[in-house]
PDB file of N, CA and C in Angstrom:
ATOM      1  N   UNK A   1      93.406  70.643 109.264  1.00  0.00           N
ATOM      2  CA  UNK A   1      93.475  71.945 108.653  1.00  0.00           C
ATOM      3  C   UNK A   1      92.755  71.905 107.313  1.00  0.00           C
ATOM      4  N   UNK A   2      92.034  72.973 107.048  1.00  0.00           N
ATOM      5  CA  UNK A   2      91.368  73.137 105.754  1.00  0.00           C
ATOM      6  C   UNK A   2      91.807  74.463 105.151  1.00  0.00           C
ATOM      7  N   UNK A   3      91.866  74.515 103.818  1.00  0.00           N
ATOM      8  CA  UNK A   3      92.274  75.726 103.121  1.00  0.00           C
ATOM      9  C   UNK A   3      91.258  76.046 102.031  1.00  0.00           C
ATOM     10  N   UNK A   4      90.782  77.286 102.035  1.00  0.00           N
ATOM     11  CA  UNK A   4      89.945  77.787 100.951  1.00  0.00           C
ATOM     12  C   UNK A   4      90.748  78.871 100.250  1.00  0.00           C
ATOM     13  N   UNK A   5      90.747  78.831  98.914  1.00  0.00           N
ATOM     14  CA  UNK A   5      91.510  79.800  98.129  1.00  0.00           C
ATOM     15  C   UNK A   5      90.571  80.711  97.374  1.00  0.00           C
ATOM     16  N   UNK A   6      90.985  81.982  97.257  1.00  0.00           N
ATOM     17  CA  UNK A   6      90.290  82.902  96.371  1.00  0.00           C
ATOM     18  C   UNK A   6      91.269  83.968  95.913  1.00  0.00           C
ATOM     19  N   UNK A   7      90.995  84.510  94.738  1.00  0.00           N
ATOM     20  CA  UNK A   7      91.855  85.534  94.153  1.00  0.00           C
ATOM     21  C   UNK A   7      91.216  86.903  94.266  1.00  0.00           C
ATOM     22  N   UNK A   8      92.055  87.895  94.490  1.00  0.00           N
ATOM     23  CA  UNK A   8      91.630  89.294  94.462  1.00  0.00           C
ATOM     24  C   UNK A   8      92.683  90.027  93.653  1.00  0.00           C
ATOM     25  N   UNK A   9      92.428  90.176  92.357  1.00  0.00           N
ATOM     26  CA  UNK A   9      93.450  90.724  91.476  1.00  0.00           C
ATOM     27  C   UNK A   9      94.619  89.761  91.421  1.00  0.00           C
ATOM     28  N   UNK A  10      95.823  90.247  91.669  1.00  0.00           N
ATOM     29  CA  UNK A  10      97.013  89.390  91.681  1.00  0.00           C
ATOM     30  C   UNK A  10      97.361  88.869  93.047  1.00  0.00           C
ATOM     31  N   UNK A  11      96.404  88.944  93.981  1.00  0.00           N
ATOM     32  CA  UNK A  11      96.633  88.509  95.356  1.00  0.00           C
ATOM     33  C   UNK A  11      95.849  87.229  95.612  1.00  0.00           C
ATOM     34  N   UNK A  12      96.539  86.229  96.141  1.00  0.00           N
ATOM     35  CA  UNK A  12      95.888  84.983  96.532  1.00  0.00           C
ATOM     36  C   UNK A  12      95.577  85.054  98.014  1.00  0.00           C
ATOM     37  N   UNK A  13      94.329  84.829  98.362  1.00  0.00           N
ATOM     38  CA  UNK A  13      93.913  84.820  99.761  1.00  0.00           C
ATOM     39  C   UNK A  13      93.640  83.374 100.147  1.00  0.00           C
ATOM     40  N   UNK A  14      94.372  82.905 101.145  1.00  0.00           N
ATOM     41  CA  UNK A  14      94.198  81.548 101.657  1.00  0.00           C
ATOM     42  C   UNK A  14      93.536  81.641 103.027  1.00  0.00           C
ATOM     43  N   UNK A  15      92.306  81.176 103.116  1.00  0.00           N
ATOM     44  CA  UNK A  15      91.588  81.157 104.383  1.00  0.00           C
ATOM     45  C   UNK A  15      91.824  79.782 104.996  1.00  0.00           C
ATOM     46  N   UNK A  16      92.571  79.784 106.076  1.00  0.00           N
ATOM     47  CA  UNK A  16      92.986  78.535 106.711  1.00  0.00           C
ATOM     48  C   UNK A  16      92.190  78.359 107.992  1.00  0.00           C
ATOM     49  N   UNK A  17      91.723  77.132 108.222  1.00  0.00           N
ATOM     50  CA  UNK A  17      90.963  76.867 109.443  1.00  0.00           C
ATOM     51  C   UNK A  17      91.450  75.576 110.095  1.00  0.00           C
ATOM     52  N   UNK A  18      91.240  75.522 111.396  1.00  0.00           N
ATOM     53  CA  UNK A  18      91.644  74.339 112.157  1.00  0.00           C
ATOM     54  C   UNK A  18      92.982  74.543 112.847  1.00  0.00           C
ATOM     55  N   UNK A  19      93.666  73.436 113.062  1.00  0.00           N
ATOM     56  CA  UNK A  19      94.970  73.456 113.743  1.00  0.00           C
ATOM     57  C   UNK A  19      96.078  73.466 112.691  1.00  0.00           C
ATOM     58  N   UNK A  20      97.039  74.375 112.848  1.00  0.00           N
ATOM     59  CA  UNK A  20      98.147  74.509 111.918  1.00  0.00           C
ATOM     60  C   UNK A  20      99.359  73.842 112.562  1.00  0.00           C
ATOM     61  N   UNK A  21      99.570  72.569 112.197  1.00  0.00           N
ATOM     62  CA  UNK A  21     100.579  71.750 112.859  1.00  0.00           C
ATOM     63  C   UNK A  21     101.396  70.969 111.833  1.00  0.00           C
ATOM     64  N   UNK A  22     102.245  70.115 112.334  1.00  0.00           N
ATOM     65  CA  UNK A  22     103.056  69.228 111.501  1.00  0.00           C
ATOM     66  C   UNK A  22     102.187  68.489 110.482  1.00  0.00           C
ATOM     67  N   UNK A  23     101.013  68.096 110.884  1.00  0.00           N
ATOM     68  CA  UNK A  23     100.124  67.325 110.012  1.00  0.00           C
ATOM     69  C   UNK A  23      99.529  68.168 108.885  1.00  0.00           C
ATOM     70  N   UNK A  24      99.711  69.476 108.949  1.00  0.00           N
ATOM     71  CA  UNK A  24      99.216  70.381 107.910  1.00  0.00           C
ATOM     72  C   UNK A  24     100.207  70.555 106.772  1.00  0.00           C
ATOM     73  N   UNK A  25     101.409  70.045 106.932  1.00  0.00           N
ATOM     74  CA  UNK A  25     102.514  70.382 106.036  1.00  0.00           C
ATOM     75  C   UNK A  25     102.253  70.042 104.579  1.00  0.00           C
ATOM     76  N   UNK A  26     101.739  68.883 104.286  1.00  0.00           N
ATOM     77  CA  UNK A  26     101.576  68.488 102.879  1.00  0.00           C
ATOM     78  C   UNK A  26     100.591  69.388 102.149  1.00  0.00           C
ATOM     79  N   UNK A  27      99.456  69.634 102.772  1.00  0.00           N
ATOM     80  CA  UNK A  27      98.443  70.482 102.148  1.00  0.00           C
ATOM     81  C   UNK A  27      98.985  71.900 101.991  1.00  0.00           C
ATOM     82  N   UNK A  28      99.569  72.446 103.052  1.00  0.00           N
ATOM     83  CA  UNK A  28     100.063  73.815 103.018  1.00  0.00           C
ATOM     84  C   UNK A  28     101.190  73.977 101.998  1.00  0.00           C
ATOM     85  N   UNK A  29     102.140  73.074 102.000  1.00  0.00           N
ATOM     86  CA  UNK A  29     103.255  73.159 101.052  1.00  0.00           C
ATOM     87  C   UNK A  29     102.770  73.060  99.606  1.00  0.00           C
ATOM     88  N   UNK A  30     101.786  72.213  99.352  1.00  0.00           N
ATOM     89  CA  UNK A  30     101.247  72.074  97.994  1.00  0.00           C
ATOM     90  C   UNK A  30     100.557  73.359  97.543  1.00  0.00           C
ATOM     91  N   UNK A  31      99.797  73.980  98.431  1.00  0.00           N
ATOM     92  CA  UNK A  31      99.099  75.215  98.084  1.00  0.00           C
ATOM     93  C   UNK A  31     100.106  76.334  97.811  1.00  0.00           C
ATOM     94  N   UNK A  32     101.142  76.438  98.626  1.00  0.00           N
ATOM     95  CA  UNK A  32     102.158  77.478  98.441  1.00  0.00           C
ATOM     96  C   UNK A  32     102.920  77.246  97.140  1.00  0.00           C
ATOM     97  N   UNK A  33     103.313  76.023  96.881  1.00  0.00           N
ATOM     98  CA  UNK A  33     104.053  75.714  95.651  1.00  0.00           C
ATOM     99  C   UNK A  33     103.203  76.039  94.418  1.00  0.00           C
ATOM    100  N   UNK A  34     101.934  75.715  94.474  1.00  0.00           N
ATOM    101  CA  UNK A  34     101.013  76.008  93.376  1.00  0.00           C
ATOM    102  C   UNK A  34     100.895  77.525  93.165  1.00  0.00           C
ATOM    103  N   UNK A  35     100.816  78.278  94.241  1.00  0.00           N
ATOM    104  CA  UNK A  35     100.694  79.727  94.151  1.00  0.00           C
ATOM    105  C   UNK A  35     101.942  80.343  93.529  1.00  0.00           C
ATOM    106  N   UNK A  36     103.097  79.840  93.907  1.00  0.00           N
ATOM    107  CA  UNK A  36     104.353  80.381  93.382  1.00  0.00           C
ATOM    108  C   UNK A  36     104.459  80.202  91.868  1.00  0.00           C
ATOM    109  N   UNK A  37     103.968  79.088  91.387  1.00  0.00           N
ATOM    110  CA  UNK A  37     104.078  78.804  89.954  1.00  0.00           C
ATOM    111  C   UNK A  37     102.961  79.457  89.135  1.00  0.00           C
ATOM    112  N   UNK A  38     101.996  80.077  89.800  1.00  0.00           N
ATOM    113  CA  UNK A  38     100.851  80.649  89.089  1.00  0.00           C
ATOM    114  C   UNK A  38     101.010  82.130  88.751  1.00  0.00           C
ATOM    115  N   UNK A  39     102.107  82.737  89.146  1.00  0.00           N
ATOM    116  CA  UNK A  39     102.320  84.144  88.846  1.00  0.00           C
ATOM    117  C   UNK A  39     101.764  85.098  89.884  1.00  0.00           C
ATOM    118  N   UNK A  40     101.305  84.592  90.998  1.00  0.00           N
ATOM    119  CA  UNK A  40     100.811  85.424  92.099  1.00  0.00           C
ATOM    120  C   UNK A  40     101.983  86.234  92.655  1.00  0.00           C
ATOM    121  N   UNK A  41     101.738  87.455  93.065  1.00  0.00           N
ATOM    122  CA  UNK A  41     102.794  88.303  93.625  1.00  0.00           C
ATOM    123  C   UNK A  41     102.660  88.500  95.130  1.00  0.00           C
ATOM    124  N   UNK A  42     101.488  88.177  95.689  1.00  0.00           N
ATOM    125  CA  UNK A  42     101.301  88.310  97.139  1.00  0.00           C
ATOM    126  C   UNK A  42     100.310  87.256  97.619  1.00  0.00           C
ATOM    127  N   UNK A  43     100.596  86.702  98.783  1.00  0.00           N
ATOM    128  CA  UNK A  43      99.710  85.728  99.414  1.00  0.00           C
ATOM    129  C   UNK A  43      99.281  86.283 100.765  1.00  0.00           C
ATOM    130  N   UNK A  44      97.981  86.335 100.984  1.00  0.00           N
ATOM    131  CA  UNK A  44      97.438  86.685 102.297  1.00  0.00           C
ATOM    132  C   UNK A  44      97.013  85.381 102.961  1.00  0.00           C
ATOM    133  N   UNK A  45      97.576  85.128 104.123  1.00  0.00           N
ATOM    134  CA  UNK A  45      97.180  83.967 104.914  1.00  0.00           C
ATOM    135  C   UNK A  45      96.187  84.446 105.965  1.00  0.00           C
ATOM    136  N   UNK A  46      94.926  84.112 105.767  1.00  0.00           N
ATOM    137  CA  UNK A  46      93.871  84.497 106.706  1.00  0.00           C
ATOM    138  C   UNK A  46      93.782  83.419 107.778  1.00  0.00           C
ATOM    139  N   UNK A  47      94.271  83.756 108.962  1.00  0.00           N
ATOM    140  CA  UNK A  47      94.316  82.814 110.085  1.00  0.00           C
ATOM    141  C   UNK A  47      93.162  83.031 111.069  1.00  0.00           C
ATOM    142  N   UNK A  48      92.113  83.728 110.655  1.00  0.00           N
ATOM    143  CA  UNK A  48      91.029  84.027 111.593  1.00  0.00           C
ATOM    144  C   UNK A  48      90.311  82.780 112.099  1.00  0.00           C
ATOM    145  N   UNK A  49      90.486  81.650 111.409  1.00  0.00           N
ATOM    146  CA  UNK A  49      89.846  80.402 111.838  1.00  0.00           C
ATOM    147  C   UNK A  49      90.866  79.357 112.297  1.00  0.00           C
ATOM    148  N   UNK A  50      92.112  79.788 112.496  1.00  0.00           N
ATOM    149  CA  UNK A  50      93.142  78.876 113.012  1.00  0.00           C
ATOM    150  C   UNK A  50      93.063  78.906 114.532  1.00  0.00           C
ATOM    151  N   UNK A  51      92.877  77.739 115.117  1.00  0.00           N
ATOM    152  CA  UNK A  51      92.691  77.648 116.565  1.00  0.00           C
ATOM    153  C   UNK A  51      93.963  77.298 117.321  1.00  0.00           C
ATOM    154  N   UNK A  52      94.975  76.799 116.612  1.00  0.00           N
ATOM    155  CA  UNK A  52      96.210  76.385 117.287  1.00  0.00           C
ATOM    156  C   UNK A  52      97.347  76.333 116.274  1.00  0.00           C
ATOM    157  N   UNK A  53      98.539  76.701 116.711  1.00  0.00           N
ATOM    158  CA  UNK A  53      99.734  76.533 115.900  1.00  0.00           C
ATOM    159  C   UNK A  53     100.827  75.978 116.800  1.00  0.00           C
ATOM    160  N   UNK A  54     101.546  74.984 116.301  1.00  0.00           N
ATOM    161  CA  UNK A  54     102.648  74.424 117.085  1.00  0.00           C
ATOM    162  C   UNK A  54     103.975  74.827 116.453  1.00  0.00           C
ATOM    163  N   UNK A  55     105.073  74.335 117.008  1.00  0.00           N
ATOM    164  CA  UNK A  55     106.394  74.727 116.502  1.00  0.00           C
ATOM    165  C   UNK A  55     106.601  74.297 115.053  1.00  0.00           C
ATOM    166  N   UNK A  56     106.042  73.167 114.673  1.00  0.00           N
ATOM    167  CA  UNK A  56     106.151  72.730 113.279  1.00  0.00           C
ATOM    168  C   UNK A  56     105.384  73.687 112.367  1.00  0.00           C
ATOM    169  N   UNK A  57     104.241  74.174 112.817  1.00  0.00           N
ATOM    170  CA  UNK A  57     103.475  75.151 112.054  1.00  0.00           C
ATOM    171  C   UNK A  57     104.248  76.455 111.882  1.00  0.00           C
ATOM    172  N   UNK A  58     104.940  76.870 112.935  1.00  0.00           N
ATOM    173  CA  UNK A  58     105.789  78.059 112.839  1.00  0.00           C
ATOM    174  C   UNK A  58     106.878  77.842 111.793  1.00  0.00           C
ATOM    175  N   UNK A  59     107.467  76.656 111.825  1.00  0.00           N
ATOM    176  CA  UNK A  59     108.504  76.319 110.844  1.00  0.00           C
ATOM    177  C   UNK A  59     107.961  76.316 109.422  1.00  0.00           C
ATOM    178  N   UNK A  60     106.748  75.805 109.247  1.00  0.00           N
ATOM    179  CA  UNK A  60     106.115  75.813 107.918  1.00  0.00           C
ATOM    180  C   UNK A  60     105.941  77.233 107.403  1.00  0.00           C
ATOM    181  N   UNK A  61     105.513  78.128 108.277  1.00  0.00           N
ATOM    182  CA  UNK A  61     105.339  79.520 107.868  1.00  0.00           C
ATOM    183  C   UNK A  61     106.679  80.148 107.485  1.00  0.00           C
ATOM    184  N   UNK A  62     107.690  79.911 108.300  1.00  0.00           N
ATOM    185  CA  UNK A  62     109.012  80.484 108.016  1.00  0.00           C
ATOM    186  C   UNK A  62     109.563  79.947 106.697  1.00  0.00           C
ATOM    187  N   UNK A  63     109.461  78.655 106.490  1.00  0.00           N
ATOM    188  CA  UNK A  63     109.951  78.068 105.236  1.00  0.00           C
ATOM    189  C   UNK A  63     109.165  78.573 104.031  1.00  0.00           C
ATOM    190  N   UNK A  64     107.859  78.706 104.182  1.00  0.00           N
ATOM    191  CA  UNK A  64     107.039  79.220 103.082  1.00  0.00           C
ATOM    192  C   UNK A  64     107.440  80.641 102.744  1.00  0.00           C
ATOM    193  N   UNK A  65     107.699  81.447 103.753  1.00  0.00           N
ATOM    194  CA  UNK A  65     108.111  82.837 103.532  1.00  0.00           C
ATOM    195  C   UNK A  65     109.438  82.893 102.772  1.00  0.00           C
ATOM    196  N   UNK A  66     110.378  82.079 103.178  1.00  0.00           N
ATOM    197  CA  UNK A  66     111.683  82.045 102.517  1.00  0.00           C
ATOM    198  C   UNK A  66     111.547  81.562 101.076  1.00  0.00           C
ATOM    199  N   UNK A  67     110.770  80.508 100.877  1.00  0.00           N
ATOM    200  CA  UNK A  67     110.564  79.966  99.532  1.00  0.00           C
ATOM    201  C   UNK A  67     109.854  80.979  98.633  1.00  0.00           C
ATOM    202  N   UNK A  68     108.841  81.641  99.165  1.00  0.00           N
ATOM    203  CA  UNK A  68     108.112  82.632  98.381  1.00  0.00           C
ATOM    204  C   UNK A  68     109.018  83.802  98.004  1.00  0.00           C
ATOM    205  N   UNK A  69     109.851  84.212  98.934  1.00  0.00           N
ATOM    206  CA  UNK A  69     110.774  85.320  98.659  1.00  0.00           C
ATOM    207  C   UNK A  69     111.661  85.008  97.456  1.00  0.00           C
ATOM    208  N   UNK A  70     112.073  83.754  97.324  1.00  0.00           N
ATOM    209  CA  UNK A  70     112.886  83.338  96.192  1.00  0.00           C
ATOM    210  C   UNK A  70     112.150  83.412  94.863  1.00  0.00           C
ATOM    211  N   UNK A  71     110.832  83.449  94.912  1.00  0.00           N
ATOM    212  CA  UNK A  71     110.006  83.559  93.702  1.00  0.00           C
ATOM    213  C   UNK A  71     109.373  84.950  93.576  1.00  0.00           C
ATOM    214  N   UNK A  72     109.887  85.914  94.325  1.00  0.00           N
ATOM    215  CA  UNK A  72     109.368  87.285  94.340  1.00  0.00           C
ATOM    216  C   UNK A  72     107.885  87.354  94.710  1.00  0.00           C
ATOM    217  N   UNK A  73     107.492  86.504  95.638  1.00  0.00           N
ATOM    218  CA  UNK A  73     106.119  86.502  96.149  1.00  0.00           C
ATOM    219  C   UNK A  73     106.182  86.947  97.609  1.00  0.00           C
ATOM    220  N   UNK A  74     105.448  88.008  97.937  1.00  0.00           N
ATOM    221  CA  UNK A  74     105.407  88.452  99.329  1.00  0.00           C
ATOM    222  C   UNK A  74     104.238  87.782 100.037  1.00  0.00           C
ATOM    223  N   UNK A  75     104.219  87.903 101.356  1.00  0.00           N
ATOM    224  CA  UNK A  75     103.234  87.188 102.160  1.00  0.00           C
ATOM    225  C   UNK A  75     102.863  88.039 103.369  1.00  0.00           C
ATOM    226  N   UNK A  76     101.624  87.925 103.807  1.00  0.00           N
ATOM    227  CA  UNK A  76     101.204  88.578 105.044  1.00  0.00           C
ATOM    228  C   UNK A  76     100.174  87.700 105.752  1.00  0.00           C
ATOM    229  N   UNK A  77     100.037  87.955 107.042  1.00  0.00           N
ATOM    230  CA  UNK A  77      99.082  87.239 107.889  1.00  0.00           C
ATOM    231  C   UNK A  77      97.984  88.195 108.333  1.00  0.00           C
ATOM    232  N   UNK A  78      96.757  87.704 108.393  1.00  0.00           N
ATOM    233  CA  UNK A  78      95.645  88.514 108.900  1.00  0.00           C
ATOM    234  C   UNK A  78      94.775  87.678 109.826  1.00  0.00           C
ATOM    235  N   UNK A  79      94.029  88.394 110.683  1.00  0.00           N
ATOM    236  CA  UNK A  79      92.997  87.772 111.498  1.00  0.00           C
ATOM    237  C   UNK A  79      93.486  86.830 112.572  1.00  0.00           C
ATOM    238  N   UNK A  80      94.664  87.073 113.125  1.00  0.00           N
ATOM    239  CA  UNK A  80      95.193  86.148 114.128  1.00  0.00           C
ATOM    240  C   UNK A  80      94.397  86.210 115.423  1.00  0.00           C
ATOM    241  N   UNK A  81      93.983  85.051 115.899  1.00  0.00           N
ATOM    242  CA  UNK A  81      93.340  84.961 117.202  1.00  0.00           C
ATOM    243  C   UNK A  81      94.411  85.086 118.274  1.00  0.00           C
ATOM    244  N   UNK A  82      94.019  85.530 119.447  1.00  0.00           N
ATOM    245  CA  UNK A  82      94.965  85.859 120.506  1.00  0.00           C
ATOM    246  C   UNK A  82      96.015  84.781 120.802  1.00  0.00           C
ATOM    247  N   UNK A  83      95.635  83.524 121.064  1.00  0.00           N
ATOM    248  CA  UNK A  83      96.678  82.532 121.391  1.00  0.00           C
ATOM    249  C   UNK A  83      97.644  82.286 120.237  1.00  0.00           C
ATOM    250  N   UNK A  84      97.126  82.279 119.006  1.00  0.00           N
ATOM    251  CA  UNK A  84      97.962  82.057 117.827  1.00  0.00           C
ATOM    252  C   UNK A  84      98.877  83.259 117.612  1.00  0.00           C
ATOM    253  N   UNK A  85      98.345  84.444 117.783  1.00  0.00           N
ATOM    254  CA  UNK A  85      99.136  85.673 117.615  1.00  0.00           C
ATOM    255  C   UNK A  85     100.277  85.705 118.633  1.00  0.00           C
ATOM    256  N   UNK A  86      99.999  85.332 119.860  1.00  0.00           N
ATOM    257  CA  UNK A  86     101.034  85.331 120.894  1.00  0.00           C
ATOM    258  C   UNK A  86     102.188  84.394 120.531  1.00  0.00           C
ATOM    259  N   UNK A  87     101.865  83.200 120.048  1.00  0.00           N
ATOM    260  CA  UNK A  87     102.902  82.229 119.679  1.00  0.00           C
ATOM    261  C   UNK A  87     103.732  82.764 118.516  1.00  0.00           C
ATOM    262  N   UNK A  88     103.078  83.331 117.521  1.00  0.00           N
ATOM    263  CA  UNK A  88     103.784  83.864 116.353  1.00  0.00           C
ATOM    264  C   UNK A  88     104.688  85.027 116.759  1.00  0.00           C
ATOM    265  N   UNK A  89     104.195  85.897 117.628  1.00  0.00           N
ATOM    266  CA  UNK A  89     105.006  87.034 118.068  1.00  0.00           C
ATOM    267  C   UNK A  89     106.159  86.587 118.965  1.00  0.00           C
ATOM    268  N   UNK A  90     105.932  85.615 119.833  1.00  0.00           N
ATOM    269  CA  UNK A  90     106.997  85.110 120.691  1.00  0.00           C
ATOM    270  C   UNK A  90     108.114  84.466 119.883  1.00  0.00           C
ATOM    271  N   UNK A  91     107.759  83.876 118.762  1.00  0.00           N
ATOM    272  CA  UNK A  91     108.755  83.239 117.892  1.00  0.00           C
ATOM    273  C   UNK A  91     109.405  84.259 116.945  1.00  0.00           C
ATOM    274  N   UNK A  92     109.025  85.522 117.065  1.00  0.00           N
ATOM    275  CA  UNK A  92     109.533  86.612 116.214  1.00  0.00           C
ATOM    276  C   UNK A  92     109.240  86.384 114.736  1.00  0.00           C
ATOM    277  N   UNK A  93     108.234  85.590 114.448  1.00  0.00           N
ATOM    278  CA  UNK A  93     107.852  85.351 113.055  1.00  0.00           C
ATOM    279  C   UNK A  93     107.204  86.581 112.434  1.00  0.00           C
ATOM    280  N   UNK A  94     106.679  87.448 113.295  1.00  0.00           N
ATOM    281  CA  UNK A  94     106.063  88.682 112.800  1.00  0.00           C
ATOM    282  C   UNK A  94     107.106  89.608 112.172  1.00  0.00           C
ATOM    283  N   UNK A  95     108.386  89.357 112.427  1.00  0.00           N
ATOM    284  CA  UNK A  95     109.449  90.134 111.779  1.00  0.00           C
ATOM    285  C   UNK A  95     109.670  89.666 110.338  1.00  0.00           C
ATOM    286  N   UNK A  96     109.314  88.417 110.042  1.00  0.00           N
ATOM    287  CA  UNK A  96     109.443  87.877 108.687  1.00  0.00           C
ATOM    288  C   UNK A  96     108.187  88.080 107.856  1.00  0.00           C
ATOM    289  N   UNK A  97     107.051  87.896 108.517  1.00  0.00           N
ATOM    290  CA  UNK A  97     105.758  87.976 107.818  1.00  0.00           C
ATOM    291  C   UNK A  97     104.924  89.066 108.490  1.00  0.00           C
ATOM    292  N   UNK A  98     104.652  90.162 107.782  1.00  0.00           N
ATOM    293  CA  UNK A  98     103.860  91.242 108.380  1.00  0.00           C
ATOM    294  C   UNK A  98     102.463  90.754 108.784  1.00  0.00           C
ATOM    295  N   UNK A  99     101.999  91.295 109.896  1.00  0.00           N
ATOM    296  CA  UNK A  99     100.668  90.965 110.412  1.00  0.00           C
ATOM    297  C   UNK A  99      99.777  92.196 110.268  1.00  0.00           C
ATOM    298  N   UNK A 100      98.589  91.976 109.706  1.00  0.00           N
ATOM    299  CA  UNK A 100      97.594  93.022 109.546  1.00  0.00           C
ATOM    300  C   UNK A 100      96.292  92.541 110.187  1.00  0.00           C
ATOM    301  N   UNK A 101      95.439  93.477 110.619  1.00  0.00           N
ATOM    302  CA  UNK A 101      94.176  93.042 111.238  1.00  0.00           C
ATOM    303  C   UNK A 101      93.203  92.412 110.243  1.00  0.00           C
ATOM    304  N   UNK A 102      93.157  92.941 108.995  1.00  0.00           N
ATOM    305  CA  UNK A 102      92.179  92.462 108.015  1.00  0.00           C
ATOM    306  C   UNK A 102      92.791  92.382 106.617  1.00  0.00           C
ATOM    307  N   UNK A 103      92.100  91.674 105.748  1.00  0.00           N
ATOM    308  CA  UNK A 103      92.495  91.597 104.331  1.00  0.00           C
ATOM    309  C   UNK A 103      92.499  92.987 103.699  1.00  0.00           C
ATOM    310  N   UNK A 104      91.494  93.799 104.011  1.00  0.00           N
ATOM    311  CA  UNK A 104      91.405  95.136 103.426  1.00  0.00           C
ATOM    312  C   UNK A 104      92.600  96.000 103.792  1.00  0.00           C
ATOM    313  N   UNK A 105      93.124  95.827 104.996  1.00  0.00           N
ATOM    314  CA  UNK A 105      94.317  96.571 105.399  1.00  0.00           C
ATOM    315  C   UNK A 105      95.505  96.175 104.528  1.00  0.00           C
ATOM    316  N   UNK A 106      95.647  94.885 104.256  1.00  0.00           N
ATOM    317  CA  UNK A 106      96.749  94.414 103.404  1.00  0.00           C
ATOM    318  C   UNK A 106      96.558  94.954 101.988  1.00  0.00           C
ATOM    319  N   UNK A 107      95.354  94.823 101.454  1.00  0.00           N
ATOM    320  CA  UNK A 107      95.088  95.273 100.086  1.00  0.00           C
ATOM    321  C   UNK A 107      95.333  96.772  99.946  1.00  0.00           C
ATOM    322  N   UNK A 108      94.958  97.547 100.948  1.00  0.00           N
ATOM    323  CA  UNK A 108      95.217  98.983 100.937  1.00  0.00           C
ATOM    324  C   UNK A 108      96.709  99.272 100.988  1.00  0.00           C
ATOM    325  N   UNK A 109      97.420  98.527 101.808  1.00  0.00           N
ATOM    326  CA  UNK A 109      98.878  98.687 101.908  1.00  0.00           C
ATOM    327  C   UNK A 109      99.548  98.365 100.580  1.00  0.00           C
ATOM    328  N   UNK A 110      99.135  97.270  99.956  1.00  0.00           N
ATOM    329  CA  UNK A 110      99.707  96.888  98.677  1.00  0.00           C
ATOM    330  C   UNK A 110      99.408  97.942  97.599  1.00  0.00           C
ATOM    331  N   UNK A 111      98.208  98.479  97.608  1.00  0.00           N
ATOM    332  CA  UNK A 111      97.841  99.506  96.621  1.00  0.00           C
ATOM    333  C   UNK A 111      98.692 100.759  96.817  1.00  0.00           C
ATOM    334  N   UNK A 112      98.984 101.110  98.076  1.00  0.00           N
ATOM    335  CA  UNK A 112      99.796 102.311  98.321  1.00  0.00           C
ATOM    336  C   UNK A 112     101.244 102.111  97.899  1.00  0.00           C
ATOM    337  N   UNK A 113     101.736 100.886  97.967  1.00  0.00           N
ATOM    338  CA  UNK A 113     103.105 100.586  97.547  1.00  0.00           C
ATOM    339  C   UNK A 113     103.210 100.687  96.026  1.00  0.00           C
ATOM    340  N   UNK A 114     102.189 100.211  95.347  1.00  0.00           N
ATOM    341  CA  UNK A 114     102.208 100.190  93.873  1.00  0.00           C
ATOM    342  C   UNK A 114     101.940 101.555  93.266  1.00  0.00           C
ATOM    343  N   UNK A 115     101.351 102.459  94.063  1.00  0.00           N
ATOM    344  CA  UNK A 115     100.989 103.789  93.534  1.00  0.00           C
ATOM    345  C   UNK A 115     102.190 104.692  93.362  1.00  0.00           C
TER     346      UNK A 115
END
C-alpha cells in the first residue's frame, strides 16, 4: 500500500493505492494519527487505486473512524472500485463512513454543511 497526502483547505485527502490489508496497518495508522494531531477536521480517503481490501483492512477503517470521531475529525471514502465497494458495503462499513463518488462531491457536501 502507498499513500499520497494533500491538503484542500482544512481537508486532508489521502490517495491510497495497492492492497489495503493487515500489512497496511502501520503506515495507515501513522498517517491517521498524524492527521488527528494536525488540526484537520475532515479526511477524504481516495480508494480509486485500491485493488483489494481484506477483513483486517475493514477493521483498520472502522478503528480509524472511531478514533477520528474522538478527535472531532470526520471521514469519507471516494472512488471505490467495484470489488472493494462490494466488500465495504457487505460489511456495513458504509454506515460508519459515508461513500461519495468523487472528492468534489465530498467538498461540496462539506461546504453545504458549513454554510
